[in-house]
Amino acid sequence: ARAYADRHGIDLAVVRESFTPVVDFSHALRDELSRVLGEKTPVLGTGAGHDAGILSASIPTAMLFVRNPTGVSHSPAEFAAEDDCVAGVRALADVLEDLACR
């Protein structure tokens, strides 16, 4: 943004209004999700703030992502196909069932 502003003669002031440190989710829970859902399940990082980041300070936490072909996130323009949403719900149900039966 600074480089763009400089190139186009735009005044730019950036002020950090908040800061959230990186959250490292439970590796044990991540590994359990991979075991239940299959070894080919990708492990993805996310830069977005989520309720899961707050919860992770108190309980083991992980996130399941649903495919989003546009990449738009946290916006009314975000989109996921119904089949992908159903796959996400099934994956969550499988993981919860596995955790409940241990």
PDB file of N, CA and C in Angstrom:
ATOM      1  N   ALA A   1       0.828  -1.186   0.000  1.00  0.00           N
ATOM      2  CA  ALA A   1       0.000   0.000   0.000  1.00  0.00           C
ATOM      3  C   ALA A   1       0.872   1.250   0.000  1.00  0.00           C
ATOM      4  N   ARG A   2       1.944   1.201   0.792  1.00  0.00           N
ATOM      5  CA  ARG A   2       2.832   2.376   0.842  1.00  0.00           C
ATOM      6  C   ARG A   2       3.482   2.632  -0.521  1.00  0.00           C
ATOM      7  N   ALA A   3       3.970   1.575  -1.148  1.00  0.00           N
ATOM      8  CA  ALA A   3       4.623   1.727  -2.448  1.00  0.00           C
ATOM      9  C   ALA A   3       3.632   2.271  -3.484  1.00  0.00           C
ATOM     10  N   TYR A   4       2.411   1.754  -3.472  1.00  0.00           N
ATOM     11  CA  TYR A   4       1.383   2.217  -4.404  1.00  0.00           C
ATOM     12  C   TYR A   4       1.098   3.697  -4.152  1.00  0.00           C
ATOM     13  N   ALA A   5       0.928   4.062  -2.892  1.00  0.00           N
ATOM     14  CA  ALA A   5       0.634   5.449  -2.550  1.00  0.00           C
ATOM     15  C   ALA A   5       1.772   6.361  -3.003  1.00  0.00           C
ATOM     16  N   ASP A   6       3.007   5.964  -2.782  1.00  0.00           N
ATOM     17  CA  ASP A   6       4.156   6.763  -3.203  1.00  0.00           C
ATOM     18  C   ASP A   6       4.171   6.948  -4.722  1.00  0.00           C
ATOM     19  N   ARG A   7       3.928   5.876  -5.459  1.00  0.00           N
ATOM     20  CA  ARG A   7       3.950   5.931  -6.928  1.00  0.00           C
ATOM     21  C   ARG A   7       2.863   6.851  -7.484  1.00  0.00           C
ATOM     22  N   HIS A   8       1.753   6.946  -6.785  1.00  0.00           N
ATOM     23  CA  HIS A   8       0.613   7.696  -7.303  1.00  0.00           C
ATOM     24  C   HIS A   8       0.368   9.014  -6.565  1.00  0.00           C
ATOM     25  N   GLY A   9       1.332   9.420  -5.745  1.00  0.00           N
ATOM     26  CA  GLY A   9       1.202  10.699  -5.061  1.00  0.00           C
ATOM     27  C   GLY A   9       0.072  10.761  -4.059  1.00  0.00           C
ATOM     28  N   ILE A  10      -0.204   9.662  -3.419  1.00  0.00           N
ATOM     29  CA  ILE A  10      -1.302   9.586  -2.455  1.00  0.00           C
ATOM     30  C   ILE A  10      -0.725   9.620  -1.047  1.00  0.00           C
ATOM     31  N   ASP A  11      -1.318  10.461  -0.190  1.00  0.00           N
ATOM     32  CA  ASP A  11      -0.919  10.464   1.218  1.00  0.00           C
ATOM     33  C   ASP A  11      -1.529   9.242   1.889  1.00  0.00           C
ATOM     34  N   LEU A  12      -0.715   8.537   2.640  1.00  0.00           N
ATOM     35  CA  LEU A  12      -1.194   7.331   3.307  1.00  0.00           C
ATOM     36  C   LEU A  12      -0.690   7.313   4.740  1.00  0.00           C
ATOM     37  N   ALA A  13      -1.590   7.099   5.652  1.00  0.00           N
ATOM     38  CA  ALA A  13      -1.226   6.926   7.058  1.00  0.00           C
ATOM     39  C   ALA A  13      -1.755   5.573   7.502  1.00  0.00           C
ATOM     40  N   VAL A  14      -0.882   4.766   8.056  1.00  0.00           N
ATOM     41  CA  VAL A  14      -1.277   3.451   8.539  1.00  0.00           C
ATOM     42  C   VAL A  14      -1.115   3.444  10.048  1.00  0.00           C
ATOM     43  N   VAL A  15      -2.187   3.086  10.724  1.00  0.00           N
ATOM     44  CA  VAL A  15      -2.172   3.021  12.183  1.00  0.00           C
ATOM     45  C   VAL A  15      -2.653   1.645  12.594  1.00  0.00           C
ATOM     46  N   ARG A  16      -1.839   0.949  13.361  1.00  0.00           N
ATOM     47  CA  ARG A  16      -2.285  -0.357  13.860  1.00  0.00           C
ATOM     48  C   ARG A  16      -3.261  -0.115  14.997  1.00  0.00           C
ATOM     49  N   GLU A  17      -4.470  -0.605  14.815  1.00  0.00           N
ATOM     50  CA  GLU A  17      -5.504  -0.426  15.823  1.00  0.00           C
ATOM     51  C   GLU A  17      -5.572  -1.593  16.788  1.00  0.00           C
ATOM     52  N   SER A  18      -5.108  -2.728  16.347  1.00  0.00           N
ATOM     53  CA  SER A  18      -5.093  -3.887  17.232  1.00  0.00           C
ATOM     54  C   SER A  18      -4.036  -4.860  16.734  1.00  0.00           C
ATOM     55  N   PHE A  19      -3.684  -5.778  17.569  1.00  0.00           N
ATOM     56  CA  PHE A  19      -2.697  -6.795  17.211  1.00  0.00           C
ATOM     57  C   PHE A  19      -3.081  -8.088  17.902  1.00  0.00           C
ATOM     58  N   THR A  20      -3.103  -9.149  17.131  1.00  0.00           N
ATOM     59  CA  THR A  20      -3.388 -10.469  17.682  1.00  0.00           C
ATOM     60  C   THR A  20      -2.214 -11.367  17.336  1.00  0.00           C
ATOM     61  N   PRO A  21      -1.595 -11.964  18.337  1.00  0.00           N
ATOM     62  CA  PRO A  21      -0.459 -12.837  18.034  1.00  0.00           C
ATOM     63  C   PRO A  21      -0.912 -14.101  17.300  1.00  0.00           C
ATOM     64  N   VAL A  22       0.039 -14.763  16.675  1.00  0.00           N
ATOM     65  CA  VAL A  22      -0.239 -16.016  15.975  1.00  0.00           C
ATOM     66  C   VAL A  22      -0.761 -17.037  16.977  1.00  0.00           C
ATOM     67  N   VAL A  23      -1.787 -17.764  16.581  1.00  0.00           N
ATOM     68  CA  VAL A  23      -2.356 -18.823  17.407  1.00  0.00           C
ATOM     69  C   VAL A  23      -1.901 -20.155  16.835  1.00  0.00           C
ATOM     70  N   ASP A  24      -1.334 -20.982  17.665  1.00  0.00           N
ATOM     71  CA  ASP A  24      -0.897 -22.310  17.241  1.00  0.00           C
ATOM     72  C   ASP A  24      -1.910 -23.315  17.782  1.00  0.00           C
ATOM     73  N   PHE A  25      -2.741 -23.850  16.880  1.00  0.00           N
ATOM     74  CA  PHE A  25      -3.764 -24.795  17.298  1.00  0.00           C
ATOM     75  C   PHE A  25      -3.139 -26.110  17.757  1.00  0.00           C
ATOM     76  N   SER A  26      -3.931 -26.893  18.432  1.00  0.00           N
ATOM     77  CA  SER A  26      -3.500 -28.177  18.982  1.00  0.00           C
ATOM     78  C   SER A  26      -2.985 -29.110  17.887  1.00  0.00           C
ATOM     79  N   HIS A  27      -1.712 -29.480  17.996  1.00  0.00           N
ATOM     80  CA  HIS A  27      -1.146 -30.418  17.020  1.00  0.00           C
ATOM     81  C   HIS A  27      -1.759 -31.805  17.189  1.00  0.00           C
ATOM     82  N   ALA A  28      -2.064 -32.188  18.414  1.00  0.00           N
ATOM     83  CA  ALA A  28      -2.676 -33.503  18.651  1.00  0.00           C
ATOM     84  C   ALA A  28      -4.052 -33.575  17.989  1.00  0.00           C
ATOM     85  N   LEU A  29      -4.835 -32.516  18.118  1.00  0.00           N
ATOM     86  CA  LEU A  29      -6.157 -32.496  17.499  1.00  0.00           C
ATOM     87  C   LEU A  29      -6.033 -32.428  15.971  1.00  0.00           C
ATOM     88  N   ARG A  30      -5.096 -31.646  15.482  1.00  0.00           N
ATOM     89  CA  ARG A  30      -4.849 -31.588  14.034  1.00  0.00           C
ATOM     90  C   ARG A  30      -4.506 -32.971  13.493  1.00  0.00           C
ATOM     91  N   ASP A  31      -3.629 -33.684  14.221  1.00  0.00           N
ATOM     92  CA  ASP A  31      -3.241 -35.029  13.799  1.00  0.00           C
ATOM     93  C   ASP A  31      -4.422 -35.989  13.845  1.00  0.00           C
ATOM     94  N   GLU A  32      -5.304 -35.803  14.816  1.00  0.00           N
ATOM     95  CA  GLU A  32      -6.500 -36.644  14.924  1.00  0.00           C
ATOM     96  C   GLU A  32      -7.437 -36.386  13.738  1.00  0.00           C
ATOM     97  N   LEU A  33      -7.602 -35.139  13.357  1.00  0.00           N
ATOM     98  CA  LEU A  33      -8.416 -34.826  12.181  1.00  0.00           C
ATOM     99  C   LEU A  33      -7.833 -35.491  10.941  1.00  0.00           C
ATOM    100  N   SER A  34      -6.524 -35.435  10.788  1.00  0.00           N
ATOM    101  CA  SER A  34      -5.881 -36.074   9.636  1.00  0.00           C
ATOM    102  C   SER A  34      -6.085 -37.581   9.657  1.00  0.00           C
ATOM    103  N   ARG A  35      -6.034 -38.173  10.851  1.00  0.00           N
ATOM    104  CA  ARG A  35      -6.239 -39.620  10.971  1.00  0.00           C
ATOM    105  C   ARG A  35      -7.666 -39.988  10.560  1.00  0.00           C
ATOM    106  N   VAL A  36      -8.645 -39.243  11.063  1.00  0.00           N
ATOM    107  CA  VAL A  36     -10.048 -39.554  10.780  1.00  0.00           C
ATOM    108  C   VAL A  36     -10.401 -39.237   9.325  1.00  0.00           C
ATOM    109  N   LEU A  37      -9.933 -38.120   8.828  1.00  0.00           N
ATOM    110  CA  LEU A  37     -10.337 -37.658   7.499  1.00  0.00           C
ATOM    111  C   LEU A  37      -9.423 -38.156   6.386  1.00  0.00           C
ATOM    112  N   GLY A  38      -8.281 -38.679   6.737  1.00  0.00           N
ATOM    113  CA  GLY A  38      -7.370 -39.208   5.733  1.00  0.00           C
ATOM    114  C   GLY A  38      -6.078 -38.423   5.680  1.00  0.00           C
ATOM    115  N   GLU A  39      -5.016 -39.129   5.403  1.00  0.00           N
ATOM    116  CA  GLU A  39      -3.684 -38.531   5.400  1.00  0.00           C
ATOM    117  C   GLU A  39      -3.531 -37.436   4.348  1.00  0.00           C
ATOM    118  N   LYS A  40      -4.361 -37.443   3.314  1.00  0.00           N
ATOM    119  CA  LYS A  40      -4.240 -36.428   2.268  1.00  0.00           C
ATOM    120  C   LYS A  40      -4.944 -35.125   2.635  1.00  0.00           C
ATOM    121  N   THR A  41      -5.501 -35.062   3.829  1.00  0.00           N
ATOM    122  CA  THR A  41      -6.159 -33.846   4.273  1.00  0.00           C
ATOM    123  C   THR A  41      -5.096 -32.766   4.451  1.00  0.00           C
ATOM    124  N   PRO A  42      -5.204 -31.657   3.723  1.00  0.00           N
ATOM    125  CA  PRO A  42      -4.163 -30.626   3.842  1.00  0.00           C
ATOM    126  C   PRO A  42      -4.255 -29.890   5.174  1.00  0.00           C
ATOM    127  N   VAL A  43      -3.120 -29.453   5.658  1.00  0.00           N
ATOM    128  CA  VAL A  43      -3.060 -28.599   6.840  1.00  0.00           C
ATOM    129  C   VAL A  43      -2.837 -27.185   6.326  1.00  0.00           C
ATOM    130  N   LEU A  44      -3.772 -26.311   6.625  1.00  0.00           N
ATOM    131  CA  LEU A  44      -3.733 -24.949   6.110  1.00  0.00           C
ATOM    132  C   LEU A  44      -3.541 -23.950   7.230  1.00  0.00           C
ATOM    133  N   GLY A  45      -2.812 -22.908   6.949  1.00  0.00           N
ATOM    134  CA  GLY A  45      -2.721 -21.794   7.884  1.00  0.00           C
ATOM    135  C   GLY A  45      -3.798 -20.777   7.554  1.00  0.00           C
ATOM    136  N   THR A  46      -4.159 -19.977   8.511  1.00  0.00           N
ATOM    137  CA  THR A  46      -5.118 -18.917   8.267  1.00  0.00           C
ATOM    138  C   THR A  46      -4.647 -17.654   8.969  1.00  0.00           C
ATOM    139  N   GLY A  47      -4.781 -16.550   8.301  1.00  0.00           N
ATOM    140  CA  GLY A  47      -4.391 -15.288   8.903  1.00  0.00           C
ATOM    141  C   GLY A  47      -5.569 -14.555   9.504  1.00  0.00           C
ATOM    142  N   ALA A  48      -6.727 -15.108   9.331  1.00  0.00           N
ATOM    143  CA  ALA A  48      -7.929 -14.437   9.830  1.00  0.00           C
ATOM    144  C   ALA A  48      -8.133 -14.695  11.315  1.00  0.00           C
ATOM    145  N   GLY A  49      -8.737 -13.758  11.990  1.00  0.00           N
ATOM    146  CA  GLY A  49      -9.101 -13.954  13.385  1.00  0.00           C
ATOM    147  C   GLY A  49     -10.382 -14.766  13.467  1.00  0.00           C
ATOM    148  N   HIS A  50     -10.395 -15.733  14.319  1.00  0.00           N
ATOM    149  CA  HIS A  50     -11.558 -16.610  14.449  1.00  0.00           C
ATOM    150  C   HIS A  50     -11.853 -16.823  15.925  1.00  0.00           C
ATOM    151  N   ASP A  51     -13.094 -17.174  16.219  1.00  0.00           N
ATOM    152  CA  ASP A  51     -13.443 -17.545  17.592  1.00  0.00           C
ATOM    153  C   ASP A  51     -12.544 -18.672  18.070  1.00  0.00           C
ATOM    154  N   ALA A  52     -12.163 -19.557  17.139  1.00  0.00           N
ATOM    155  CA  ALA A  52     -11.311 -20.688  17.503  1.00  0.00           C
ATOM    156  C   ALA A  52      -9.987 -20.216  18.095  1.00  0.00           C
ATOM    157  N   GLY A  53      -9.486 -19.076  17.654  1.00  0.00           N
ATOM    158  CA  GLY A  53      -8.250 -18.545  18.211  1.00  0.00           C
ATOM    159  C   GLY A  53      -8.399 -18.182  19.676  1.00  0.00           C
ATOM    160  N   ILE A  54      -9.547 -17.670  20.046  1.00  0.00           N
ATOM    161  CA  ILE A  54      -9.822 -17.336  21.447  1.00  0.00           C
ATOM    162  C   ILE A  54      -9.999 -18.614  22.259  1.00  0.00           C
ATOM    163  N   LEU A  55     -10.765 -19.569  21.713  1.00  0.00           N
ATOM    164  CA  LEU A  55     -11.022 -20.823  22.420  1.00  0.00           C
ATOM    165  C   LEU A  55      -9.745 -21.630  22.647  1.00  0.00           C
ATOM    166  N   SER A  56      -8.788 -21.509  21.725  1.00  0.00           N
ATOM    167  CA  SER A  56      -7.579 -22.336  21.798  1.00  0.00           C
ATOM    168  C   SER A  56      -6.758 -22.089  23.053  1.00  0.00           C
ATOM    169  N   ALA A  57      -6.966 -20.968  23.713  1.00  0.00           N
ATOM    170  CA  ALA A  57      -6.250 -20.702  24.960  1.00  0.00           C
ATOM    171  C   ALA A  57      -6.778 -21.580  26.097  1.00  0.00           C
ATOM    172  N   SER A  58      -7.991 -22.127  25.936  1.00  0.00           N
ATOM    173  CA  SER A  58      -8.615 -22.897  27.014  1.00  0.00           C
ATOM    174  C   SER A  58      -8.859 -24.361  26.681  1.00  0.00           C
ATOM    175  N   ILE A  59      -9.076 -24.672  25.405  1.00  0.00           N
ATOM    176  CA  ILE A  59      -9.378 -26.051  25.012  1.00  0.00           C
ATOM    177  C   ILE A  59      -8.665 -26.385  23.700  1.00  0.00           C
ATOM    178  N   PRO A  60      -8.410 -27.679  23.458  1.00  0.00           N
ATOM    179  CA  PRO A  60      -7.809 -28.047  22.171  1.00  0.00           C
ATOM    180  C   PRO A  60      -8.727 -27.597  21.036  1.00  0.00           C
ATOM    181  N   THR A  61      -8.164 -26.952  20.055  1.00  0.00           N
ATOM    182  CA  THR A  61      -8.955 -26.328  19.002  1.00  0.00           C
ATOM    183  C   THR A  61      -8.336 -26.591  17.631  1.00  0.00           C
ATOM    184  N   ALA A  62      -9.186 -26.753  16.641  1.00  0.00           N
ATOM    185  CA  ALA A  62      -8.758 -26.877  15.254  1.00  0.00           C
ATOM    186  C   ALA A  62      -9.862 -26.280  14.393  1.00  0.00           C
ATOM    187  N   MET A  63      -9.586 -26.157  13.114  1.00  0.00           N
ATOM    188  CA  MET A  63     -10.581 -25.627  12.191  1.00  0.00           C
ATOM    189  C   MET A  63     -10.664 -26.535  10.971  1.00  0.00           C
ATOM    190  N   LEU A  64     -11.873 -26.684  10.459  1.00  0.00           N
ATOM    191  CA  LEU A  64     -12.094 -27.373   9.190  1.00  0.00           C
ATOM    192  C   LEU A  64     -12.497 -26.307   8.177  1.00  0.00           C
ATOM    193  N   PHE A  65     -11.864 -26.315   7.029  1.00  0.00           N
ATOM    194  CA  PHE A  65     -12.184 -25.345   5.991  1.00  0.00           C
ATOM    195  C   PHE A  65     -12.987 -26.024   4.885  1.00  0.00           C
ATOM    196  N   VAL A  66     -13.924 -25.283   4.331  1.00  0.00           N
ATOM    197  CA  VAL A  66     -14.708 -25.741   3.190  1.00  0.00           C
ATOM    198  C   VAL A  66     -14.137 -25.044   1.959  1.00  0.00           C
ATOM    199  N   ARG A  67     -14.003 -25.810   0.870  1.00  0.00           N
ATOM    200  CA  ARG A  67     -13.440 -25.251  -0.366  1.00  0.00           C
ATOM    201  C   ARG A  67     -14.227 -24.019  -0.808  1.00  0.00           C
ATOM    202  N   ASN A  68     -13.485 -23.015  -1.199  1.00  0.00           N
ATOM    203  CA  ASN A  68     -14.048 -21.754  -1.659  1.00  0.00           C
ATOM    204  C   ASN A  68     -13.296 -21.366  -2.931  1.00  0.00           C
ATOM    205  N   PRO A  69     -13.873 -21.625  -4.096  1.00  0.00           N
ATOM    206  CA  PRO A  69     -13.129 -21.428  -5.348  1.00  0.00           C
ATOM    207  C   PRO A  69     -12.721 -19.988  -5.628  1.00  0.00           C
ATOM    208  N   THR A  70     -13.410 -19.012  -5.043  1.00  0.00           N
ATOM    209  CA  THR A  70     -13.058 -17.614  -5.306  1.00  0.00           C
ATOM    210  C   THR A  70     -11.946 -17.118  -4.397  1.00  0.00           C
ATOM    211  N   GLY A  71     -11.770 -17.753  -3.250  1.00  0.00           N
ATOM    212  CA  GLY A  71     -10.774 -17.291  -2.293  1.00  0.00           C
ATOM    213  C   GLY A  71     -11.249 -16.111  -1.461  1.00  0.00           C
ATOM    214  N   VAL A  72     -12.403 -15.559  -1.771  1.00  0.00           N
ATOM    215  CA  VAL A  72     -12.943 -14.439  -0.998  1.00  0.00           C
ATOM    216  C   VAL A  72     -13.392 -14.974   0.357  1.00  0.00           C
ATOM    217  N   SER A  73     -12.988 -14.299   1.416  1.00  0.00           N
ATOM    218  CA  SER A  73     -13.295 -14.783   2.760  1.00  0.00           C
ATOM    219  C   SER A  73     -13.772 -13.631   3.637  1.00  0.00           C
ATOM    220  N   HIS A  74     -14.663 -13.945   4.549  1.00  0.00           N
ATOM    221  CA  HIS A  74     -15.181 -12.967   5.498  1.00  0.00           C
ATOM    222  C   HIS A  74     -15.798 -11.770   4.766  1.00  0.00           C
ATOM    223  N   SER A  75     -16.615 -12.089   3.781  1.00  0.00           N
ATOM    224  CA  SER A  75     -17.242 -11.065   2.952  1.00  0.00           C
ATOM    225  C   SER A  75     -18.566 -11.613   2.434  1.00  0.00           C
ATOM    226  N   PRO A  76     -19.518 -10.729   2.179  1.00  0.00           N
ATOM    227  CA  PRO A  76     -20.760 -11.204   1.568  1.00  0.00           C
ATOM    228  C   PRO A  76     -20.530 -11.891   0.220  1.00  0.00           C
ATOM    229  N   ALA A  77     -19.400 -11.618  -0.419  1.00  0.00           N
ATOM    230  CA  ALA A  77     -19.091 -12.240  -1.705  1.00  0.00           C
ATOM    231  C   ALA A  77     -18.500 -13.640  -1.557  1.00  0.00           C
ATOM    232  N   GLU A  78     -18.261 -14.075  -0.317  1.00  0.00           N
ATOM    233  CA  GLU A  78     -17.723 -15.425  -0.102  1.00  0.00           C
ATOM    234  C   GLU A  78     -18.716 -16.452  -0.630  1.00  0.00           C
ATOM    235  N   PHE A  79     -18.206 -17.524  -1.230  1.00  0.00           N
ATOM    236  CA  PHE A  79     -19.085 -18.524  -1.808  1.00  0.00           C
ATOM    237  C   PHE A  79     -18.493 -19.916  -1.645  1.00  0.00           C
ATOM    238  N   ALA A  80     -19.339 -20.864  -1.326  1.00  0.00           N
ATOM    239  CA  ALA A  80     -18.976 -22.283  -1.339  1.00  0.00           C
ATOM    240  C   ALA A  80     -20.171 -23.043  -1.896  1.00  0.00           C
ATOM    241  N   ALA A  81     -19.888 -24.002  -2.756  1.00  0.00           N
ATOM    242  CA  ALA A  81     -20.953 -24.810  -3.358  1.00  0.00           C
ATOM    243  C   ALA A  81     -21.617 -25.679  -2.287  1.00  0.00           C
ATOM    244  N   GLU A  82     -22.880 -25.988  -2.502  1.00  0.00           N
ATOM    245  CA  GLU A  82     -23.619 -26.798  -1.534  1.00  0.00           C
ATOM    246  C   GLU A  82     -22.928 -28.141  -1.283  1.00  0.00           C
ATOM    247  N   ASP A  83     -22.431 -28.793  -2.326  1.00  0.00           N
ATOM    248  CA  ASP A  83     -21.742 -30.079  -2.155  1.00  0.00           C
ATOM    249  C   ASP A  83     -20.528 -29.945  -1.253  1.00  0.00           C
ATOM    250  N   ASP A  84     -19.795 -28.841  -1.386  1.00  0.00           N
ATOM    251  CA  ASP A  84     -18.629 -28.621  -0.532  1.00  0.00           C
ATOM    252  C   ASP A  84     -19.051 -28.370   0.914  1.00  0.00           C
ATOM    253  N   CYS A  85     -20.143 -27.646   1.105  1.00  0.00           N
ATOM    254  CA  CYS A  85     -20.661 -27.413   2.463  1.00  0.00           C
ATOM    255  C   CYS A  85     -21.099 -28.725   3.096  1.00  0.00           C
ATOM    256  N   VAL A  86     -21.779 -29.560   2.335  1.00  0.00           N
ATOM    257  CA  VAL A  86     -22.210 -30.872   2.837  1.00  0.00           C
ATOM    258  C   VAL A  86     -20.989 -31.724   3.196  1.00  0.00           C
ATOM    259  N   ALA A  87     -19.957 -31.685   2.362  1.00  0.00           N
ATOM    260  CA  ALA A  87     -18.730 -32.436   2.658  1.00  0.00           C
ATOM    261  C   ALA A  87     -18.105 -31.934   3.956  1.00  0.00           C
ATOM    262  N   GLY A  88     -18.139 -30.625   4.188  1.00  0.00           N
ATOM    263  CA  GLY A  88     -17.611 -30.065   5.424  1.00  0.00           C
ATOM    264  C   GLY A  88     -18.401 -30.508   6.642  1.00  0.00           C
ATOM    265  N   VAL A  89     -19.719 -30.537   6.519  1.00  0.00           N
ATOM    266  CA  VAL A  89     -20.575 -30.991   7.625  1.00  0.00           C
ATOM    267  C   VAL A  89     -20.309 -32.463   7.921  1.00  0.00           C
ATOM    268  N   ARG A  90     -20.180 -33.273   6.876  1.00  0.00           N
ATOM    269  CA  ARG A  90     -19.898 -34.703   7.079  1.00  0.00           C
ATOM    270  C   ARG A  90     -18.537 -34.909   7.738  1.00  0.00           C
ATOM    271  N   ALA A  91     -17.550 -34.149   7.305  1.00  0.00           N
ATOM    272  CA  ALA A  91     -16.220 -34.255   7.919  1.00  0.00           C
ATOM    273  C   ALA A  91     -16.290 -33.891   9.398  1.00  0.00           C
ATOM    274  N   LEU A  92     -16.985 -32.814   9.728  1.00  0.00           N
ATOM    275  CA  LEU A  92     -17.131 -32.412  11.127  1.00  0.00           C
ATOM    276  C   LEU A  92     -17.853 -33.494  11.922  1.00  0.00           C
ATOM    277  N   ALA A  93     -18.920 -34.052  11.366  1.00  0.00           N
ATOM    278  CA  ALA A  93     -19.664 -35.113  12.058  1.00  0.00           C
ATOM    279  C   ALA A  93     -18.773 -36.337  12.284  1.00  0.00           C
ATOM    280  N   ASP A  94     -17.970 -36.709  11.286  1.00  0.00           N
ATOM    281  CA  ASP A  94     -17.070 -37.857  11.441  1.00  0.00           C
ATOM    282  C   ASP A  94     -16.058 -37.626  12.549  1.00  0.00           C
ATOM    283  N   VAL A  95     -15.495 -36.443  12.585  1.00  0.00           N
ATOM    284  CA  VAL A  95     -14.492 -36.120  13.613  1.00  0.00           C
ATOM    285  C   VAL A  95     -15.141 -36.105  15.005  1.00  0.00           C
ATOM    286  N   LEU A  96     -16.298 -35.466  15.116  1.00  0.00           N
ATOM    287  CA  LEU A  96     -16.977 -35.412  16.419  1.00  0.00           C
ATOM    288  C   LEU A  96     -17.373 -36.800  16.895  1.00  0.00           C
ATOM    289  N   GLU A  97     -17.866 -37.636  15.993  1.00  0.00           N
ATOM    290  CA  GLU A  97     -18.229 -39.002  16.365  1.00  0.00           C
ATOM    291  C   GLU A  97     -16.989 -39.772  16.862  1.00  0.00           C
ATOM    292  N   ASP A  98     -15.882 -39.622  16.159  1.00  0.00           N
ATOM    293  CA  ASP A  98     -14.654 -40.301  16.560  1.00  0.00           C
ATOM    294  C   ASP A  98     -14.193 -39.823  17.940  1.00  0.00           C
ATOM    295  N   LEU A  99     -14.227 -38.534  18.165  1.00  0.00           N
ATOM    296  CA  LEU A  99     -13.791 -37.989  19.459  1.00  0.00           C
ATOM    297  C   LEU A  99     -14.723 -38.422  20.581  1.00  0.00           C
ATOM    298  N   ALA A 100     -16.030 -38.498  20.297  1.00  0.00           N
ATOM    299  CA  ALA A 100     -17.006 -38.889  21.317  1.00  0.00           C
ATOM    300  C   ALA A 100     -16.896 -40.360  21.688  1.00  0.00           C
ATOM    301  N   CYS A 101     -16.419 -41.186  20.747  1.00  0.00           N
ATOM    302  CA  CYS A 101     -16.355 -42.632  20.988  1.00  0.00           C
ATOM    303  C   CYS A 101     -15.026 -43.073  21.588  1.00  0.00           C
ATOM    304  N   ARG A 102     -14.136 -42.178  21.851  1.00  0.00           N
ATOM    305  CA  ARG A 102     -12.833 -42.573  22.415  1.00  0.00           C
ATOM    306  C   ARG A 102     -12.932 -42.785  23.883  1.00  0.00           C
TER     307      ARG A 102
END
